[in-house]
N, C-alpha and C. Protein backbone atom coordinates (compact mmCIF):
# COMPACT_ATOMS: atom_id res chain seq x y z
N MET A 1 21.44 -11.76 -19.93
CA MET A 1 20.01 -11.87 -20.08
C MET A 1 19.37 -10.40 -20.34
N ASN A 2 19.23 -10.11 -21.54
CA ASN A 2 18.54 -8.87 -21.86
C ASN A 2 17.10 -9.13 -22.19
N GLN A 3 16.23 -8.54 -21.33
CA GLN A 3 14.76 -8.76 -21.53
C GLN A 3 14.47 -7.72 -22.59
N PRO A 4 13.80 -8.16 -23.73
CA PRO A 4 13.54 -7.31 -24.80
C PRO A 4 12.47 -6.16 -24.64
N ASN A 5 11.61 -6.23 -23.58
CA ASN A 5 10.61 -5.26 -23.43
C ASN A 5 10.96 -4.23 -22.34
N LEU A 6 10.88 -2.88 -22.72
CA LEU A 6 11.19 -1.96 -21.63
C LEU A 6 10.12 -1.81 -20.68
N HIS A 7 8.93 -2.20 -20.94
CA HIS A 7 7.75 -1.95 -19.97
C HIS A 7 7.43 -3.21 -19.18
N GLN A 8 7.36 -4.31 -19.84
CA GLN A 8 7.01 -5.48 -19.06
C GLN A 8 8.30 -6.33 -18.79
N VAL A 9 8.60 -6.40 -17.48
CA VAL A 9 9.82 -7.01 -17.00
C VAL A 9 9.48 -8.17 -16.07
N ASP A 10 10.26 -9.23 -16.24
CA ASP A 10 10.06 -10.43 -15.24
C ASP A 10 11.14 -10.05 -14.12
N TRP A 11 10.65 -9.43 -13.03
CA TRP A 11 11.55 -9.10 -11.99
C TRP A 11 12.20 -10.27 -11.24
N SER A 12 11.61 -11.51 -11.36
CA SER A 12 12.12 -12.64 -10.69
C SER A 12 13.52 -13.06 -11.31
N GLY A 13 13.80 -12.60 -12.45
CA GLY A 13 15.07 -12.95 -13.07
C GLY A 13 16.15 -11.96 -12.97
N ILE A 14 15.79 -10.85 -12.18
CA ILE A 14 16.74 -9.70 -12.14
C ILE A 14 17.15 -9.66 -10.61
N PRO A 15 18.48 -9.46 -10.37
CA PRO A 15 18.93 -9.25 -8.92
C PRO A 15 18.47 -7.96 -8.34
N ALA A 16 17.85 -8.05 -7.08
CA ALA A 16 17.41 -6.85 -6.35
C ALA A 16 18.68 -6.15 -5.83
N PRO A 17 18.62 -4.83 -5.73
CA PRO A 17 19.68 -4.06 -5.08
C PRO A 17 19.54 -4.34 -3.53
N VAL A 18 20.70 -4.22 -2.88
CA VAL A 18 20.66 -4.21 -1.40
C VAL A 18 20.85 -2.87 -0.83
N ASP A 19 20.50 -2.60 0.42
CA ASP A 19 20.63 -1.36 1.02
C ASP A 19 22.10 -1.28 1.52
N ASP A 20 22.94 -0.52 0.75
CA ASP A 20 24.30 -0.36 1.08
C ASP A 20 24.50 0.81 1.95
N GLY A 21 23.47 1.49 2.46
CA GLY A 21 23.56 2.62 3.41
C GLY A 21 23.97 3.96 2.82
N ALA A 22 24.03 4.00 1.42
CA ALA A 22 24.48 5.15 0.68
C ALA A 22 23.42 6.23 0.67
N ALA A 23 22.20 6.02 1.11
CA ALA A 23 21.20 7.09 1.13
C ALA A 23 20.83 7.33 2.65
N ALA A 24 21.44 6.73 3.61
CA ALA A 24 21.06 6.95 4.94
C ALA A 24 21.16 8.36 5.53
N HIS A 25 22.02 9.12 4.90
CA HIS A 25 22.25 10.53 5.31
C HIS A 25 21.20 11.46 4.81
N LEU A 26 20.34 11.12 3.88
CA LEU A 26 19.48 11.98 3.19
C LEU A 26 18.20 12.45 4.00
N ALA A 27 17.67 11.53 4.78
CA ALA A 27 16.45 11.86 5.57
C ALA A 27 16.84 12.98 6.53
N GLY A 28 16.02 14.04 6.49
CA GLY A 28 16.25 15.23 7.33
C GLY A 28 17.18 16.21 6.76
N ALA A 29 17.83 15.89 5.58
CA ALA A 29 18.83 16.81 4.95
C ALA A 29 18.11 18.00 4.27
N ARG A 30 18.71 19.08 4.20
CA ARG A 30 18.18 20.25 3.36
C ARG A 30 18.66 19.89 1.97
N ILE A 31 17.78 20.18 0.96
CA ILE A 31 18.10 20.00 -0.46
C ILE A 31 19.07 21.03 -0.91
N ALA A 32 20.22 20.58 -1.51
CA ALA A 32 21.19 21.46 -2.02
C ALA A 32 20.65 22.40 -3.08
N PRO A 33 20.97 23.78 -3.08
CA PRO A 33 20.45 24.74 -4.02
C PRO A 33 21.06 24.71 -5.38
N VAL A 34 20.98 23.53 -6.05
CA VAL A 34 21.52 23.26 -7.36
C VAL A 34 20.44 23.59 -8.42
N ILE A 35 20.73 24.35 -9.38
CA ILE A 35 19.75 24.56 -10.47
C ILE A 35 19.95 23.62 -11.58
N LEU A 36 18.86 22.90 -12.02
CA LEU A 36 19.05 21.92 -13.05
C LEU A 36 18.03 22.11 -14.23
N PRO A 37 18.45 21.85 -15.41
CA PRO A 37 17.58 22.05 -16.59
C PRO A 37 16.44 20.86 -16.61
N ALA A 38 15.23 21.37 -16.95
CA ALA A 38 14.10 20.47 -16.89
C ALA A 38 13.55 20.23 -18.23
N THR A 39 12.83 19.19 -18.46
CA THR A 39 12.29 18.88 -19.82
C THR A 39 11.08 19.77 -20.17
N ASP A 40 10.61 20.61 -19.19
CA ASP A 40 9.50 21.52 -19.46
C ASP A 40 10.15 22.93 -19.90
N GLY A 41 11.48 22.96 -20.03
CA GLY A 41 12.15 24.17 -20.49
C GLY A 41 12.59 25.11 -19.41
N ASN A 42 12.28 24.86 -18.18
CA ASN A 42 12.56 25.57 -17.15
C ASN A 42 13.96 25.17 -16.43
N MET A 43 14.52 26.04 -15.61
CA MET A 43 15.61 25.69 -14.85
C MET A 43 15.06 25.62 -13.38
N ILE A 44 15.33 24.50 -12.74
CA ILE A 44 14.59 24.27 -11.43
C ILE A 44 15.56 23.99 -10.36
N SER A 45 15.46 24.58 -9.19
CA SER A 45 16.12 24.26 -7.99
C SER A 45 15.13 23.50 -7.06
N LEU A 46 15.38 22.29 -6.80
CA LEU A 46 14.51 21.51 -5.85
C LEU A 46 14.48 22.16 -4.41
N ALA A 47 15.59 22.79 -4.13
CA ALA A 47 15.67 23.48 -2.79
C ALA A 47 14.64 24.63 -2.64
N ASP A 48 14.23 25.20 -3.77
CA ASP A 48 13.35 26.29 -3.72
C ASP A 48 11.91 25.94 -3.87
N GLN A 49 11.61 24.66 -3.90
CA GLN A 49 10.18 24.16 -4.18
C GLN A 49 9.48 24.28 -2.82
N SER A 50 8.41 25.03 -2.85
CA SER A 50 7.53 25.10 -1.54
C SER A 50 6.63 23.93 -1.52
N GLY A 51 6.17 23.67 -0.28
CA GLY A 51 5.27 22.56 -0.06
C GLY A 51 5.95 21.13 -0.22
N ARG A 52 5.11 20.26 -0.48
CA ARG A 52 5.55 18.88 -0.56
C ARG A 52 5.82 18.39 -2.05
N ILE A 53 7.03 17.85 -2.25
CA ILE A 53 7.28 17.35 -3.53
C ILE A 53 7.80 15.96 -3.44
N VAL A 54 7.80 15.30 -4.58
CA VAL A 54 8.31 13.93 -4.79
C VAL A 54 9.30 14.02 -5.78
N VAL A 55 10.50 13.36 -5.51
CA VAL A 55 11.56 13.14 -6.60
C VAL A 55 11.86 11.77 -6.72
N PHE A 56 11.98 11.16 -7.88
CA PHE A 56 12.53 9.94 -8.03
C PHE A 56 13.67 9.98 -8.94
N ALA A 57 14.73 9.30 -8.65
CA ALA A 57 16.01 9.26 -9.34
C ALA A 57 16.21 7.80 -9.86
N TYR A 58 16.84 7.84 -11.03
CA TYR A 58 17.04 6.50 -11.75
C TYR A 58 18.33 6.62 -12.56
N PRO A 59 18.89 5.37 -12.95
CA PRO A 59 20.11 5.37 -13.72
C PRO A 59 19.97 5.96 -15.13
N ARG A 60 19.03 5.37 -15.88
CA ARG A 60 18.89 5.94 -17.27
C ARG A 60 17.70 5.16 -17.87
N THR A 61 16.82 5.87 -18.54
CA THR A 61 15.59 5.23 -19.21
C THR A 61 16.22 4.55 -20.49
N GLY A 62 15.55 3.52 -20.86
CA GLY A 62 16.03 2.76 -22.12
C GLY A 62 15.52 3.51 -23.40
N GLU A 63 16.20 3.20 -24.39
CA GLU A 63 15.81 3.61 -25.78
C GLU A 63 15.23 2.46 -26.50
N PRO A 64 14.17 2.70 -27.23
CA PRO A 64 13.58 1.64 -28.07
C PRO A 64 14.70 0.92 -28.97
N GLY A 65 14.72 -0.35 -28.91
CA GLY A 65 15.62 -1.14 -29.67
C GLY A 65 17.03 -1.24 -29.00
N LYS A 66 17.27 -0.59 -27.87
CA LYS A 66 18.45 -0.73 -27.06
C LYS A 66 18.12 -0.89 -25.64
N ILE A 67 18.53 -1.98 -25.03
CA ILE A 67 18.08 -2.27 -23.66
C ILE A 67 18.96 -1.70 -22.66
N GLY A 68 20.26 -1.74 -22.76
CA GLY A 68 21.18 -1.26 -21.78
C GLY A 68 22.52 -0.80 -22.21
N LEU A 69 23.27 -0.25 -21.42
CA LEU A 69 24.62 0.21 -21.78
C LEU A 69 25.51 -0.91 -22.07
N THR A 70 25.36 -2.14 -21.31
CA THR A 70 26.20 -3.20 -21.43
C THR A 70 25.35 -4.48 -21.62
N GLU A 71 26.04 -5.56 -22.07
CA GLU A 71 25.30 -6.85 -22.27
C GLU A 71 24.75 -7.31 -20.99
N ASP A 72 25.33 -7.02 -19.89
CA ASP A 72 24.79 -7.65 -18.59
C ASP A 72 24.01 -6.57 -17.84
N TRP A 73 23.45 -5.57 -18.48
CA TRP A 73 22.68 -4.49 -17.89
C TRP A 73 21.66 -4.98 -16.88
N ASP A 74 20.83 -6.02 -17.37
CA ASP A 74 19.82 -6.68 -16.48
C ASP A 74 20.41 -7.27 -15.20
N MET A 75 21.64 -7.63 -15.21
CA MET A 75 22.19 -8.35 -14.07
C MET A 75 22.81 -7.44 -13.10
N ILE A 76 22.92 -6.16 -13.44
CA ILE A 76 23.46 -5.15 -12.37
C ILE A 76 22.29 -4.77 -11.46
N PRO A 77 22.42 -5.09 -10.20
CA PRO A 77 21.36 -4.86 -9.33
C PRO A 77 20.97 -3.41 -9.25
N GLY A 78 19.75 -3.14 -9.58
CA GLY A 78 19.17 -1.79 -9.59
C GLY A 78 19.18 -1.07 -10.92
N ALA A 79 19.84 -1.59 -11.92
CA ALA A 79 20.07 -0.97 -13.25
C ALA A 79 18.76 -0.94 -14.00
N ARG A 80 18.09 -2.10 -14.13
CA ARG A 80 16.93 -2.32 -14.96
C ARG A 80 15.71 -1.81 -14.36
N GLY A 81 14.88 -1.12 -15.17
CA GLY A 81 13.55 -0.74 -14.66
C GLY A 81 13.22 0.67 -14.65
N CYS A 82 14.04 1.57 -15.33
CA CYS A 82 13.87 3.02 -15.33
C CYS A 82 12.62 3.48 -16.06
N THR A 83 12.34 2.82 -17.18
CA THR A 83 11.11 3.08 -17.92
C THR A 83 9.82 2.63 -17.14
N PRO A 84 9.86 1.51 -16.52
CA PRO A 84 8.62 1.17 -15.73
C PRO A 84 8.48 1.97 -14.53
N GLN A 85 9.57 2.38 -13.92
CA GLN A 85 9.51 3.36 -12.78
C GLN A 85 8.87 4.68 -13.20
N THR A 86 9.33 5.19 -14.35
CA THR A 86 8.90 6.56 -14.82
C THR A 86 7.38 6.37 -15.14
N CYS A 87 7.03 5.32 -15.78
CA CYS A 87 5.62 5.18 -16.26
C CYS A 87 4.72 4.96 -15.04
N SER A 88 5.25 4.35 -13.92
CA SER A 88 4.35 4.16 -12.78
C SER A 88 4.13 5.52 -12.08
N PHE A 89 5.01 6.47 -12.18
CA PHE A 89 4.79 7.76 -11.66
C PHE A 89 3.83 8.54 -12.55
N ARG A 90 4.02 8.30 -13.86
CA ARG A 90 3.10 8.95 -14.85
C ARG A 90 1.72 8.48 -14.58
N ASP A 91 1.45 7.27 -14.34
CA ASP A 91 0.14 6.70 -14.25
C ASP A 91 -0.51 7.03 -12.91
N LEU A 92 0.31 7.30 -11.87
CA LEU A 92 -0.29 7.65 -10.55
C LEU A 92 -0.18 9.18 -10.29
N ILE A 93 0.17 9.94 -11.21
CA ILE A 93 0.41 11.41 -10.98
C ILE A 93 -0.90 12.14 -10.25
N GLY A 94 -2.11 11.69 -10.68
CA GLY A 94 -3.25 12.33 -10.14
C GLY A 94 -3.40 11.92 -8.72
N GLU A 95 -3.24 10.58 -8.40
CA GLU A 95 -3.33 10.16 -7.00
C GLU A 95 -2.30 10.76 -6.07
N LEU A 96 -1.04 10.91 -6.66
CA LEU A 96 0.08 11.51 -5.82
C LEU A 96 -0.28 13.00 -5.50
N LYS A 97 -0.86 13.63 -6.42
CA LYS A 97 -1.23 15.04 -6.13
C LYS A 97 -2.40 15.11 -5.14
N VAL A 98 -3.41 14.27 -5.25
CA VAL A 98 -4.42 14.15 -4.20
C VAL A 98 -3.84 13.87 -2.90
N ALA A 99 -2.95 13.08 -2.84
CA ALA A 99 -2.27 12.60 -1.53
C ALA A 99 -1.31 13.65 -1.01
N GLY A 100 -1.17 14.83 -1.64
CA GLY A 100 -0.43 15.84 -1.12
C GLY A 100 0.90 16.27 -1.85
N ALA A 101 1.26 15.62 -2.87
CA ALA A 101 2.43 15.98 -3.62
C ALA A 101 2.11 17.17 -4.54
N GLN A 102 2.67 18.32 -4.23
CA GLN A 102 2.33 19.40 -5.16
C GLN A 102 3.02 19.33 -6.41
N ARG A 103 4.18 18.76 -6.51
CA ARG A 103 4.95 18.49 -7.75
C ARG A 103 5.75 17.10 -7.58
N VAL A 104 5.86 16.60 -8.79
CA VAL A 104 6.63 15.31 -8.95
C VAL A 104 7.76 15.65 -9.96
N PHE A 105 8.93 15.21 -9.71
CA PHE A 105 10.12 15.31 -10.55
C PHE A 105 10.88 14.07 -10.80
N GLY A 106 11.22 13.71 -12.05
CA GLY A 106 12.20 12.65 -12.22
C GLY A 106 13.63 13.31 -12.36
N LEU A 107 14.58 12.42 -12.11
CA LEU A 107 15.96 12.83 -12.01
C LEU A 107 16.87 11.80 -12.58
N SER A 108 17.76 12.13 -13.60
CA SER A 108 18.71 11.23 -13.99
C SER A 108 19.92 12.07 -14.53
N THR A 109 20.97 11.29 -14.87
CA THR A 109 22.20 11.98 -15.39
C THR A 109 22.13 12.12 -16.88
N GLN A 110 21.04 11.63 -17.54
CA GLN A 110 20.94 11.78 -18.93
C GLN A 110 20.71 13.29 -19.40
N THR A 111 21.03 13.64 -20.58
CA THR A 111 20.94 15.02 -21.02
C THR A 111 19.40 15.31 -21.07
N THR A 112 19.15 16.69 -21.05
CA THR A 112 17.71 17.13 -21.23
C THR A 112 17.22 16.81 -22.57
N GLU A 113 18.08 16.79 -23.62
CA GLU A 113 17.70 16.40 -24.88
C GLU A 113 17.12 15.06 -24.99
N TYR A 114 17.87 14.11 -24.36
CA TYR A 114 17.48 12.67 -24.35
C TYR A 114 16.19 12.64 -23.55
N GLN A 115 16.15 13.24 -22.35
CA GLN A 115 15.00 13.11 -21.40
C GLN A 115 13.75 13.67 -22.13
N SER A 116 13.85 14.74 -22.86
CA SER A 116 12.77 15.38 -23.63
C SER A 116 12.15 14.41 -24.65
N GLU A 117 13.01 13.64 -25.31
CA GLU A 117 12.48 12.70 -26.22
C GLU A 117 11.74 11.63 -25.44
N MET A 118 12.27 11.24 -24.32
CA MET A 118 11.64 10.23 -23.56
C MET A 118 10.27 10.61 -22.99
N THR A 119 10.31 11.85 -22.41
CA THR A 119 9.05 12.29 -21.84
C THR A 119 7.99 12.49 -22.88
N GLU A 120 8.40 12.91 -24.07
CA GLU A 120 7.37 12.98 -25.13
C GLU A 120 6.93 11.49 -25.62
N ARG A 121 7.81 10.71 -25.76
CA ARG A 121 7.42 9.28 -26.18
C ARG A 121 6.60 8.59 -25.25
N LEU A 122 6.83 8.84 -23.91
CA LEU A 122 6.11 8.13 -22.80
C LEU A 122 4.97 8.98 -22.26
N HIS A 123 4.82 10.16 -22.78
CA HIS A 123 3.70 11.07 -22.34
C HIS A 123 3.85 11.40 -20.81
N VAL A 124 5.07 11.70 -20.36
CA VAL A 124 5.30 12.02 -18.99
C VAL A 124 4.81 13.42 -18.70
N PRO A 125 3.98 13.60 -17.68
CA PRO A 125 3.30 14.94 -17.50
C PRO A 125 3.95 15.78 -16.37
N PHE A 126 5.24 15.44 -16.02
CA PHE A 126 5.95 16.18 -14.93
C PHE A 126 7.33 16.40 -15.55
N PRO A 127 8.08 17.39 -14.97
CA PRO A 127 9.42 17.62 -15.46
C PRO A 127 10.37 16.55 -15.06
N VAL A 128 11.33 16.27 -15.91
CA VAL A 128 12.41 15.41 -15.56
C VAL A 128 13.70 16.27 -15.59
N LEU A 129 14.44 16.13 -14.50
CA LEU A 129 15.63 17.06 -14.37
C LEU A 129 16.97 16.22 -14.79
N SER A 130 17.75 17.09 -15.43
CA SER A 130 19.08 16.55 -15.92
C SER A 130 20.15 17.02 -15.02
N ASP A 131 20.88 15.89 -14.44
CA ASP A 131 22.04 16.23 -13.56
C ASP A 131 23.20 15.57 -14.28
N SER A 132 23.33 15.98 -15.65
CA SER A 132 24.35 15.36 -16.44
C SER A 132 25.82 15.76 -15.98
N LYS A 133 25.87 16.77 -15.24
CA LYS A 133 27.25 17.20 -14.73
C LYS A 133 27.50 16.75 -13.29
N LEU A 134 26.48 15.97 -12.78
CA LEU A 134 26.57 15.35 -11.48
C LEU A 134 26.68 16.42 -10.31
N GLU A 135 26.19 17.60 -10.53
CA GLU A 135 26.26 18.64 -9.53
C GLU A 135 25.30 18.37 -8.38
N PHE A 136 24.17 18.00 -8.67
CA PHE A 136 23.20 17.69 -7.61
C PHE A 136 23.64 16.47 -6.84
N ALA A 137 23.98 15.40 -7.59
CA ALA A 137 24.39 14.18 -6.98
C ALA A 137 25.61 14.37 -6.09
N THR A 138 26.53 15.25 -6.55
CA THR A 138 27.79 15.52 -5.65
C THR A 138 27.32 16.27 -4.41
N ALA A 139 26.55 17.32 -4.66
CA ALA A 139 26.14 18.14 -3.46
C ALA A 139 25.35 17.47 -2.49
N MET A 140 24.54 16.49 -2.88
CA MET A 140 23.68 15.66 -1.97
C MET A 140 24.30 14.39 -1.57
N LYS A 141 25.42 14.06 -2.22
CA LYS A 141 26.06 12.68 -1.97
C LYS A 141 25.08 11.59 -2.29
N LEU A 142 24.40 11.76 -3.35
CA LEU A 142 23.50 10.70 -3.80
C LEU A 142 24.23 9.40 -4.16
N PRO A 143 23.66 8.20 -3.97
CA PRO A 143 24.32 6.96 -4.27
C PRO A 143 24.46 6.92 -5.86
N THR A 144 25.52 6.49 -6.25
CA THR A 144 25.81 6.32 -7.77
C THR A 144 26.50 5.03 -8.06
N MET A 145 26.55 4.65 -9.27
CA MET A 145 27.32 3.38 -9.72
C MET A 145 27.95 3.75 -11.02
N GLU A 146 29.00 3.02 -11.22
CA GLU A 146 29.81 3.21 -12.53
C GLU A 146 29.40 2.09 -13.43
N VAL A 147 28.94 2.38 -14.69
CA VAL A 147 28.72 1.43 -15.69
C VAL A 147 29.24 1.98 -17.06
N ALA A 148 29.97 1.13 -17.65
CA ALA A 148 30.48 1.39 -19.00
C ALA A 148 31.18 2.75 -19.07
N GLY A 149 31.81 3.15 -17.99
CA GLY A 149 32.57 4.38 -18.03
C GLY A 149 31.69 5.62 -17.66
N GLU A 150 30.42 5.41 -17.33
CA GLU A 150 29.46 6.48 -16.90
C GLU A 150 29.18 6.34 -15.47
N THR A 151 28.93 7.51 -14.91
CA THR A 151 28.50 7.63 -13.45
C THR A 151 26.96 7.82 -13.53
N LEU A 152 26.18 6.84 -12.99
CA LEU A 152 24.76 6.90 -13.02
C LEU A 152 24.28 6.91 -11.62
N LEU A 153 23.13 7.53 -11.42
CA LEU A 153 22.37 7.57 -10.16
C LEU A 153 21.86 6.17 -9.88
N LYS A 154 21.95 5.81 -8.51
CA LYS A 154 21.20 4.52 -8.11
C LYS A 154 19.74 5.03 -7.94
N ARG A 155 18.91 4.00 -8.16
CA ARG A 155 17.49 4.29 -7.98
C ARG A 155 17.07 4.51 -6.58
N LEU A 156 16.41 5.77 -6.44
CA LEU A 156 15.81 6.10 -5.15
C LEU A 156 14.67 7.04 -5.36
N ALA A 157 13.98 7.32 -4.21
CA ALA A 157 12.91 8.36 -4.37
C ALA A 157 12.91 9.03 -3.00
N PHE A 158 12.55 10.29 -3.03
CA PHE A 158 12.26 11.02 -1.71
C PHE A 158 11.14 11.96 -1.76
N VAL A 159 10.68 12.19 -0.56
CA VAL A 159 9.61 13.16 -0.36
C VAL A 159 10.24 14.28 0.35
N ALA A 160 9.98 15.55 -0.01
CA ALA A 160 10.60 16.76 0.74
C ALA A 160 9.45 17.74 0.96
N ASP A 161 9.65 18.33 2.11
CA ASP A 161 8.70 19.44 2.50
C ASP A 161 9.38 20.75 2.63
N ASN A 162 9.22 21.65 1.85
CA ASN A 162 9.66 23.05 1.83
C ASN A 162 11.25 22.94 2.01
N GLY A 163 11.81 22.16 0.96
CA GLY A 163 13.33 22.10 0.81
C GLY A 163 13.96 21.16 1.72
N LYS A 164 13.35 20.40 2.59
CA LYS A 164 13.94 19.41 3.47
C LYS A 164 13.42 18.03 3.27
N ILE A 165 14.31 17.02 3.14
CA ILE A 165 13.83 15.65 2.86
C ILE A 165 13.19 15.04 4.01
N THR A 166 12.00 14.68 3.81
CA THR A 166 11.16 14.00 4.89
C THR A 166 11.29 12.56 4.95
N HIS A 167 11.34 11.83 3.78
CA HIS A 167 11.36 10.45 3.72
C HIS A 167 12.13 10.01 2.43
N VAL A 168 12.89 8.92 2.59
CA VAL A 168 13.69 8.34 1.47
C VAL A 168 13.29 6.90 1.27
N PHE A 169 13.16 6.57 -0.08
CA PHE A 169 12.84 5.14 -0.49
C PHE A 169 14.13 4.66 -1.16
N TYR A 170 14.81 3.71 -0.50
CA TYR A 170 16.09 3.26 -1.04
C TYR A 170 16.45 1.92 -0.22
N PRO A 171 16.82 0.94 -0.98
CA PRO A 171 16.80 0.79 -2.42
C PRO A 171 15.34 0.64 -2.91
N VAL A 172 15.12 0.83 -4.12
CA VAL A 172 13.83 0.67 -4.80
C VAL A 172 13.84 -0.57 -5.64
N PHE A 173 12.88 -1.54 -5.28
CA PHE A 173 12.76 -2.70 -6.11
C PHE A 173 11.49 -3.46 -5.77
N PRO A 174 10.68 -3.82 -6.73
CA PRO A 174 10.89 -3.61 -8.09
C PRO A 174 10.52 -2.21 -8.47
N PRO A 175 11.11 -1.55 -9.51
CA PRO A 175 10.94 -0.16 -9.80
C PRO A 175 9.56 0.25 -10.16
N ASP A 176 8.79 -0.72 -10.80
CA ASP A 176 7.40 -0.33 -11.17
C ASP A 176 6.48 -0.20 -10.05
N ARG A 177 6.89 -0.61 -8.83
CA ARG A 177 6.02 -0.44 -7.71
C ARG A 177 6.38 0.79 -6.84
N ASN A 178 7.47 1.58 -7.29
CA ASN A 178 7.99 2.67 -6.47
C ASN A 178 6.85 3.73 -6.32
N ALA A 179 6.20 4.13 -7.40
CA ALA A 179 5.19 5.20 -7.19
C ALA A 179 4.10 4.77 -6.32
N ALA A 180 3.66 3.56 -6.34
CA ALA A 180 2.55 3.06 -5.38
C ALA A 180 3.10 3.04 -4.01
N ASP A 181 4.35 2.75 -3.77
CA ASP A 181 4.92 2.84 -2.42
C ASP A 181 4.95 4.23 -1.91
N VAL A 182 5.42 5.12 -2.84
CA VAL A 182 5.40 6.53 -2.47
C VAL A 182 3.92 7.10 -2.15
N LEU A 183 3.05 6.74 -2.93
CA LEU A 183 1.59 7.03 -2.82
C LEU A 183 1.06 6.52 -1.44
N ALA A 184 1.41 5.29 -1.06
CA ALA A 184 0.93 4.68 0.21
C ALA A 184 1.63 5.47 1.41
N TRP A 185 2.84 5.96 1.25
CA TRP A 185 3.59 6.71 2.27
C TRP A 185 2.82 8.12 2.40
N LEU A 186 2.57 8.73 1.30
CA LEU A 186 1.98 10.06 1.35
C LEU A 186 0.54 9.97 2.00
N GLU A 187 -0.29 8.94 1.68
CA GLU A 187 -1.57 8.80 2.27
C GLU A 187 -1.47 8.57 3.80
N ALA A 188 -0.40 7.91 4.28
CA ALA A 188 -0.18 7.57 5.60
C ALA A 188 0.34 8.67 6.45
N ASN A 189 0.99 9.65 5.72
CA ASN A 189 1.65 10.77 6.37
C ASN A 189 1.33 12.07 5.77
N PRO A 190 0.06 12.51 5.92
CA PRO A 190 -0.32 13.84 5.31
C PRO A 190 0.32 14.93 6.12
N LEU A 191 0.39 16.04 5.38
CA LEU A 191 0.97 17.22 6.00
C LEU A 191 0.10 17.87 7.11
């Protein structure tokens, strides 16, 4: 079942991911000092970000005309929804900042070149970080999945304060609601 639209998804036909405990160790952890390339042309270490930041990780955003890596992409729990998740953070960026997020970052294992095309096409106003070598994922022991011979990040989000993870959202479903869930948490937990 490949749904043809990257933005409008019928979540009722897609299996939700379950909490497998793979992110349980992240709350309270210090962010690893890994430097990653960003779509804004900078090299960024999340560990060095002062104040409150929001990071959302996803397997891979779709390409127009291509829905997934495999025929059964939509049936892999947690695979579908990267573009709607990214767009929800894009659409709520102003409110997230008002609620205390000094910066927002996307994170995937796709290359910066691919991510740059995506951020331009979708008008994404924040940097998306490339962990194409899985350095950050390995250092932080982020949950991953194997699809079509590729290691992809499982979808999650976290809030960090001065380099320490304060709260983790995992699993994330439906993905297009993730930014609103993060926003609600920020509003309920001001610095």
